[in-house]
Amino acid sequence: MHFCHVDQVIECGPDRAVTLKGVSLAEEYLQDHFPGFPVLPGVFMLEALVQTARLTLIARDRAAGREPVRMVLGGVRALRYGNFVRPGDSLRSEAVVDKVEGDGTVVFRGSASVVRAGSAEALPGAAASGRFTMRTVRLGPERTTGGPQQ
């Protein structure tokens, strides 16, 4: 199952991206998280930050004249959760490149905030914030396109 956590791209460049995700009660994962008090799960807040970071990585590759490389979440450091994101709210995600390691791993600072319905401004304090890394996909010998190596 694939969840898209970017409904609108507000800003996108090689060093920073900002996106918006509207949260609706129609999203099936809210039915169980939590019954009677539906809120966006923290792991989906992180996924929104990762999807926002991917937009920045695509913009970096294109600005350098390269074909975009698929990158995945490599690690998470010091991720903190704050405000709840409820149905009717929007999640505003911002991913900023902090540094690029020698092996191509990219370290991001990410922050997601809550925008209440009918407001243009985010609530003070983050819904989620922290640092995370994005790295290239690593395939083992048995996971290459040719199947197991002989």
Foldseek 3Di string as FASTA:
>chain_A
DDDDQFPAWPDEALFKTKGKGAAAPPPVVQCVCPPVFGFDDPVVLVVNQVVRVLRNQCRNQVVVVHHRADKDWDFWDPKDADDTAGHQKMKMKMWGFPDADPQRKTKIWMFIFIGHHPGPDTDPDTRMTGMTIIGGDDDDQQRDPVHHDD
